[in-house]
Protein backbone atom coordinates (compact mmCIF):
# COMPACT_ATOMS: atom_id res chain seq x y z
CA MET A 1 -10.46 -12.25 -27.59
CA GLU A 2 -11.86 -15.99 -27.47
CA GLN A 3 -10.37 -16.58 -23.91
CA ASP A 4 -12.27 -15.51 -20.85
CA THR A 5 -10.76 -12.24 -19.14
CA LEU A 6 -9.20 -12.05 -15.93
CA SER A 7 -10.75 -14.61 -13.32
CA SER A 8 -9.48 -12.73 -10.19
CA ARG A 9 -7.44 -10.08 -8.74
CA ARG A 10 -3.82 -10.36 -9.01
CA GLU A 11 -0.83 -8.50 -6.83
CA LEU A 12 2.74 -8.26 -7.59
CA PHE A 13 6.00 -7.21 -6.46
CA PHE A 14 8.59 -7.29 -8.15
CA ALA A 15 12.42 -6.48 -7.37
CA TYR A 16 15.46 -6.20 -9.28
CA ASP A 17 19.26 -4.33 -8.93
CA ILE A 18 21.49 -2.15 -11.27
CA LYS A 19 25.03 -1.89 -10.37
CA MET A 20 27.06 1.34 -11.77
CA GLY A 21 24.09 1.95 -13.88
CA ASN A 22 21.45 4.86 -14.39
CA PRO A 23 18.02 3.00 -14.13
CA ASN A 24 15.78 5.87 -15.22
CA GLY A 25 17.17 9.20 -15.98
CA ASP A 26 15.59 12.66 -15.45
CA PRO A 27 14.48 14.69 -18.17
CA ASP A 28 16.65 17.77 -17.27
CA GLU A 29 20.17 16.31 -16.68
CA ASN A 30 19.69 12.64 -16.99
CA ARG A 31 20.90 12.07 -13.79
CA PRO A 32 18.99 9.53 -11.73
CA ARG A 33 15.73 10.29 -10.64
CA VAL A 34 15.38 11.48 -6.84
CA LEU A 35 12.73 12.38 -4.27
CA PRO A 36 12.99 15.28 -1.81
CA ASP A 37 14.00 12.88 0.98
CA GLY A 38 16.85 11.50 -1.12
CA THR A 39 15.05 8.19 -2.19
CA TYR A 40 15.45 7.28 -5.99
CA TYR A 41 12.84 5.86 -7.55
CA VAL A 42 11.98 4.60 -11.25
CA THR A 43 8.64 5.71 -13.20
CA ASP A 44 6.09 2.67 -14.10
CA VAL A 45 6.69 4.00 -17.71
CA ARG A 46 10.18 2.70 -17.75
CA LEU A 47 8.84 -0.95 -16.52
CA LYS A 48 6.44 -0.50 -19.10
CA ARG A 49 8.71 -0.09 -21.67
CA PHE A 50 11.18 -2.93 -20.72
CA VAL A 51 7.88 -5.30 -20.83
CA ARG A 52 6.88 -3.74 -24.29
CA ASP A 53 10.14 -4.28 -25.73
CA TYR A 54 10.36 -7.63 -24.59
CA PHE A 55 7.04 -8.30 -25.93
CA LYS A 56 8.49 -6.80 -29.44
CA SER A 57 11.54 -8.89 -29.39
CA GLN A 58 9.56 -11.96 -29.06
CA ASP A 59 7.44 -11.00 -32.16
CA ARG A 60 4.48 -9.97 -30.68
CA ASP A 61 2.76 -6.75 -31.78
CA ILE A 62 2.89 -3.54 -29.55
CA LEU A 63 0.54 -0.44 -29.71
CA VAL A 64 3.12 1.73 -28.19
CA ASP A 65 5.64 1.45 -31.14
CA THR A 66 7.81 2.98 -33.84
CA ILE A 67 7.57 2.43 -37.58
CA ASP A 68 10.62 1.15 -38.96
CA SER A 69 12.75 2.73 -36.34
CA LYS A 70 11.44 5.88 -36.75
CA THR A 71 8.91 8.15 -33.77
CA THR A 72 4.91 8.33 -34.98
CA ASN A 73 2.03 9.17 -33.32
CA LEU A 74 -0.87 6.49 -32.47
CA THR A 75 -2.82 7.27 -35.47
CA GLY A 76 -0.21 6.83 -37.49
CA ARG A 77 0.94 3.57 -35.66
CA VAL A 78 -2.48 2.21 -36.11
CA ALA A 79 -2.75 3.07 -39.71
CA HIS A 80 0.19 1.46 -40.81
CA TYR A 81 -0.91 -1.44 -38.65
CA LEU A 82 -3.85 -2.06 -40.50
CA LYS A 83 -2.32 -1.57 -43.73
CA GLU A 84 0.38 -3.96 -42.88
CA LYS A 85 -2.12 -6.57 -41.68
CA GLU A 86 -4.78 -5.86 -44.54
CA LYS A 87 -7.21 -4.92 -42.15
CA PRO A 88 -10.07 -2.23 -42.72
CA GLU A 89 -9.85 1.22 -41.15
CA ALA A 90 -12.45 0.79 -38.42
CA ASN A 91 -14.27 3.20 -35.91
CA GLY A 92 -16.21 3.19 -32.65
CA LYS A 93 -15.98 -0.23 -30.10
CA ASP A 94 -15.03 -2.03 -33.59
CA LEU A 95 -11.40 -0.04 -33.95
CA VAL A 96 -11.15 -0.85 -30.14
CA ASP A 97 -11.89 -4.11 -30.37
CA ILE A 98 -9.23 -4.37 -33.11
CA LEU A 99 -6.68 -2.94 -31.08
CA LEU A 100 -7.30 -5.07 -28.12
CA ASP A 101 -7.25 -8.34 -29.80
CA SER A 102 -3.81 -7.34 -31.80
CA PHE A 103 -1.98 -5.73 -28.96
CA ILE A 104 -0.83 -6.90 -25.65
CA ASP A 105 0.09 -3.74 -24.25
CA ALA A 106 -3.12 -2.22 -24.97
CA ARG A 107 -4.94 -4.89 -23.18
CA LEU A 108 -2.25 -4.65 -20.37
CA PHE A 109 -1.98 -0.85 -19.63
CA GLY A 110 -4.82 0.60 -21.75
CA SER A 111 -4.59 3.83 -23.79
CA SER A 112 -5.89 7.06 -24.15
CA PHE A 113 -6.93 6.41 -27.96
CA ALA A 114 -5.59 10.24 -28.76
CA PHE A 115 -6.25 9.91 -32.87
CA LYS A 116 -5.78 12.78 -35.27
CA LYS A 117 -7.02 12.65 -38.73
CA GLU A 118 -5.11 10.66 -40.99
CA GLY A 119 -6.02 11.68 -44.86
CA LYS A 120 -9.52 10.72 -45.22
CA TRP A 121 -9.45 8.84 -42.03
CA GLU A 122 -10.66 10.41 -38.76
CA PRO A 123 -10.22 7.49 -36.14
CA LYS A 124 -13.25 7.91 -33.11
CA THR A 125 -13.19 4.97 -30.83
CA VAL A 126 -15.95 4.10 -28.22
CA PRO A 127 -14.33 4.32 -25.71
CA LYS A 128 -12.22 7.24 -26.23
CA THR A 129 -10.15 6.28 -23.17
CA LEU A 130 -9.48 3.13 -21.97
CA THR A 131 -7.86 2.14 -18.39
CA GLY A 132 -5.43 -0.70 -18.53
CA ALA A 133 -6.22 -3.69 -16.05
CA LEU A 134 -2.52 -3.78 -14.67
CA GLN A 135 -0.88 -0.68 -13.18
CA PHE A 136 2.23 -0.48 -11.37
CA ASN A 137 3.26 2.29 -8.98
CA HIS A 138 6.49 4.06 -9.32
CA GLY A 139 9.62 1.54 -8.28
CA GLU A 140 11.43 3.00 -5.23
CA VAL A 141 14.90 1.99 -4.44
CA MET A 142 14.74 0.24 -1.18
CA HIS A 143 17.87 1.25 0.45
CA PRO A 144 20.03 4.61 0.86
CA ALA A 145 22.00 4.31 -2.18
CA GLU A 146 24.74 6.90 -3.63
CA ALA A 147 25.15 8.65 -6.46
CA VAL A 148 28.10 8.94 -8.48
CA ASP A 149 29.21 10.99 -11.53
CA ILE A 150 31.86 9.31 -13.80
CA HIS A 151 33.70 11.68 -15.90
CA GLY A 152 35.75 10.40 -19.30
CA THR A 153 36.33 11.78 -22.79
CA THR A 154 35.30 10.86 -26.05
CA THR A 155 37.67 9.64 -28.72
CA PHE A 156 36.42 11.79 -31.40
CA GLY A 157 36.72 15.93 -31.50
CA SER A 158 33.70 17.79 -31.09
CA ASP A 159 33.98 19.11 -34.68
CA GLU A 160 36.75 18.72 -37.50
CA SER A 161 39.06 21.33 -36.39
CA LYS A 162 39.35 19.75 -32.96
CA THR A 163 42.23 17.42 -32.32
CA GLN A 164 41.14 16.01 -28.92
CA GLY A 165 38.26 14.15 -27.48
CA THR A 166 35.48 16.03 -25.80
CA PHE A 167 34.73 15.65 -22.00
CA THR A 168 31.86 13.19 -20.58
CA THR A 169 29.86 13.03 -17.44
CA TYR A 170 27.96 10.02 -16.69
CA PHE A 171 25.42 9.83 -13.89
CA ALA A 172 25.14 6.58 -12.26
CA LEU A 173 23.91 4.81 -9.09
CA ARG A 174 26.73 2.69 -7.30
CA TYR A 175 24.24 -0.01 -6.49
CA ALA A 176 20.32 -0.29 -6.15
CA LEU A 177 17.50 -3.10 -5.19
CA ILE A 178 14.50 -1.50 -6.96
CA GLY A 179 11.14 -2.47 -5.88
CA PHE A 180 7.73 -2.08 -7.82
CA ASN A 181 4.31 -3.19 -6.76
CA GLY A 182 1.68 -3.80 -9.31
CA ILE A 183 -2.47 -4.63 -9.36
CA ALA A 184 -4.29 -6.53 -12.01
CA ASN A 185 -7.69 -5.59 -11.53
CA GLU A 186 -10.39 -8.30 -12.88
CA HIS A 187 -12.93 -5.69 -13.59
CA SER A 188 -10.76 -3.44 -15.65
CA ALA A 189 -9.88 -6.43 -17.47
CA LYS A 190 -13.62 -7.13 -18.57
CA LEU A 191 -13.04 -3.82 -20.58
CA SER A 192 -9.51 -4.06 -21.59
CA GLN A 193 -9.96 -7.65 -22.53
CA MET A 194 -6.88 -9.08 -20.47
CA THR A 195 -6.99 -12.51 -20.04
CA ASP A 196 -4.90 -15.09 -17.30
CA ARG A 197 -2.32 -15.79 -20.10
CA ASP A 198 -2.06 -12.05 -20.57
CA TYR A 199 -0.94 -11.82 -16.64
CA ASN A 200 1.14 -15.12 -16.89
CA ASP A 201 2.87 -13.59 -19.83
CA VAL A 202 3.90 -10.29 -18.32
CA LEU A 203 5.32 -12.15 -15.16
CA ASP A 204 7.42 -13.81 -17.82
CA ALA A 205 8.29 -10.43 -19.68
CA ILE A 206 8.89 -8.69 -16.41
CA TRP A 207 11.66 -11.44 -15.12
CA LYS A 208 13.37 -11.16 -18.50
CA SER A 209 13.13 -7.94 -20.19
CA VAL A 210 15.23 -6.41 -17.31
CA ARG A 211 18.03 -8.76 -17.71
CA GLY A 212 17.78 -8.42 -21.42
CA SER A 213 17.71 -4.48 -21.66
CA GLY A 214 21.29 -4.20 -21.11
CA ASN A 215 21.83 -3.16 -24.55
CA THR A 216 23.00 0.52 -23.10
CA ARG A 217 25.52 1.52 -21.07
CA SER A 218 23.13 2.84 -18.56
CA LYS A 219 21.21 -0.21 -18.29
CA VAL A 220 24.11 -2.60 -18.65
CA GLY A 221 23.94 -4.80 -15.03
CA GLN A 222 20.52 -4.91 -14.20
CA VAL A 223 19.32 -8.54 -13.13
CA PRO A 224 15.83 -9.47 -11.67
CA ARG A 225 16.18 -10.59 -8.14
CA PHE A 226 12.63 -11.44 -6.39
CA LEU A 227 9.06 -11.37 -7.92
CA ILE A 228 6.02 -12.75 -6.16
CA SER A 229 2.49 -12.77 -7.68
CA ILE A 230 -0.91 -13.37 -5.50
CA SER A 231 -3.89 -14.83 -7.11
CA TYR A 232 -6.73 -14.20 -5.03
CA LYS A 233 -10.01 -16.07 -4.72
CA LYS A 234 -12.72 -15.51 -7.32
CA GLY A 235 -15.07 -12.61 -6.17
CA VAL A 236 -12.37 -11.32 -3.49
CA GLU A 237 -12.48 -7.90 -3.23
CA PHE A 238 -9.18 -6.98 -1.73
CA GLN A 239 -5.13 -6.49 -2.25
CA PHE A 240 -2.73 -5.31 0.05
CA GLY A 241 -1.84 -2.67 -2.35
CA ASN A 242 1.89 -2.07 -1.34
CA LEU A 243 3.57 -5.59 -0.55
CA SER A 244 6.96 -3.86 -0.77
CA ASP A 245 6.09 -2.67 2.72
CA TYR A 246 6.33 -5.77 3.81
CA VAL A 247 9.85 -6.68 2.27
CA LYS A 248 12.65 -5.30 4.48
CA LEU A 249 16.48 -5.11 3.68
CA THR A 250 18.92 -5.80 6.57
CA PRO A 251 22.90 -5.42 6.41
CA PHE A 252 24.73 -8.45 5.89
CA GLY A 253 28.20 -7.43 7.49
CA GLU A 254 29.31 -3.89 8.52
CA LYS A 255 29.05 -2.22 5.42
CA GLU A 256 26.75 1.14 5.27
CA ALA A 257 23.72 0.95 2.65
CA LYS A 258 25.16 3.49 0.51
CA ALA A 259 28.29 1.44 0.43
CA TRP A 260 26.81 -1.72 -0.80
CA SER A 261 27.77 -3.27 -4.17
CA SER A 262 25.87 -6.78 -4.65
CA PRO A 263 23.15 -9.09 -2.96
CA GLU A 264 25.98 -10.14 -0.99
CA ASP A 265 26.10 -6.97 1.49
CA TYR A 266 22.25 -7.42 2.81
CA THR A 267 19.52 -10.01 3.47
CA VAL A 268 15.67 -9.75 2.24
CA ASP A 269 13.59 -10.28 5.13
CA ILE A 270 10.38 -11.59 4.11
CA SER A 271 9.24 -12.81 7.27
CA LEU A 272 6.85 -9.98 7.50
CA LEU A 273 5.51 -10.68 4.07
CA CYS A 274 5.06 -14.40 4.78
CA GLU A 275 3.27 -13.17 7.98
CA ARG A 276 0.89 -10.89 6.40
CA LEU A 277 -0.21 -13.56 3.50
CA ALA A 278 -0.88 -15.89 5.95
CA MET A 279 -3.18 -13.60 7.67
CA TYR A 280 -5.15 -13.68 4.83
CA ASP A 281 -4.78 -17.35 3.58
CA ASP A 282 -8.65 -17.16 3.24
CA LYS A 283 -8.51 -14.96 0.62
CA ILE A 284 -5.75 -16.16 -1.44
CA GLU A 285 -5.97 -18.78 -4.12
CA SER A 286 -2.16 -18.87 -4.72
CA ILE A 287 1.25 -17.42 -4.29
CA CYS A 288 3.77 -18.02 -7.13
CA TYR A 289 7.32 -16.81 -6.89
CA ALA A 290 11.06 -16.16 -8.86
CA VAL A 291 13.76 -15.52 -6.82
CA SER A 292 17.51 -15.25 -8.25
CA PRO A 293 20.28 -17.73 -6.58
CA ASP A 294 22.19 -14.93 -5.41
CA MET A 295 19.67 -13.30 -2.91
CA GLN A 296 20.14 -14.29 0.82
CA LEU A 297 16.72 -14.19 1.97
CA SER A 298 15.67 -14.29 5.87
CA ARG A 299 13.72 -17.58 5.77
CA GLU A 300 12.96 -20.57 3.16
CA ILE A 301 10.07 -20.08 0.84
CA PRO A 302 7.06 -21.36 2.32
CA SER A 303 6.40 -24.80 0.87
CA ASP A 304 2.71 -24.19 -0.92
CA TRP A 305 4.51 -21.13 -2.82
CA GLN A 306 4.79 -22.36 -6.43
CA ASN A 307 8.27 -21.61 -8.16
CA LEU A 308 7.70 -19.78 -11.49
CA LYS A 309 10.87 -21.35 -13.09
CA ILE A 310 10.98 -18.71 -15.52
CA ASP A 311 14.58 -18.99 -15.92
């Protein structure tokens, strides 16, 4: 990479919502994932997949990808890429440098580099595992949500002897606002070669990927609602860790949270968030944000925050 790596620590909070959809089905029955206390959640892997798919739609190369829409392993993906780009089969640090220079998702999220032998080529890297500079936690639905089972029938029979369609069940949440926390570490970025431009690109990708992911029934109706990004001053070894702790939802009207169906049913209280950020103003270089016009905020966005104007 010709550019300098991430200049200072970054921290973000991102919230999007879904209506009558399944944001992240479990591996057993494809029901919305739920914690023992009833809180629904979405894995960081799902959010990273949104980001990767968006980059791919913009004709950017990603490491975790298919070959001609067919599943492959890491070795097959890299071998195919090197051949396609007429690059030599490298090893050690040289191979890692090629991967980091070529794939933005490797710079952002890292990789285990779990290679297998491919013909006569047996890739070995230094290091064997690379921690990504950008890490997300699992996202959580920020209010009590209602799960629904939607029953229907298919048009076609299950086999040629059947004259009627088969019964189907689709699992969804009536409505959910999902919040993610993320941190980009400048020290890890020196190893993964993540840059300031990469970070700015991922902010754009997070916002646009969720909206553009609705090509399946389970993801139709997803809308980005609120994004805040903090750039800390150079040399500052600090982060809040969970910005979502400072974002509260309060009912707007008489509906209980499980009956909410849109942002019209609640207010996003950012008072505590603004208070906490003001307390640590000496550590913060700048704050950027994006907000859906449909969100009802408890107060005006501070005038010194910079609008990302992603849309």
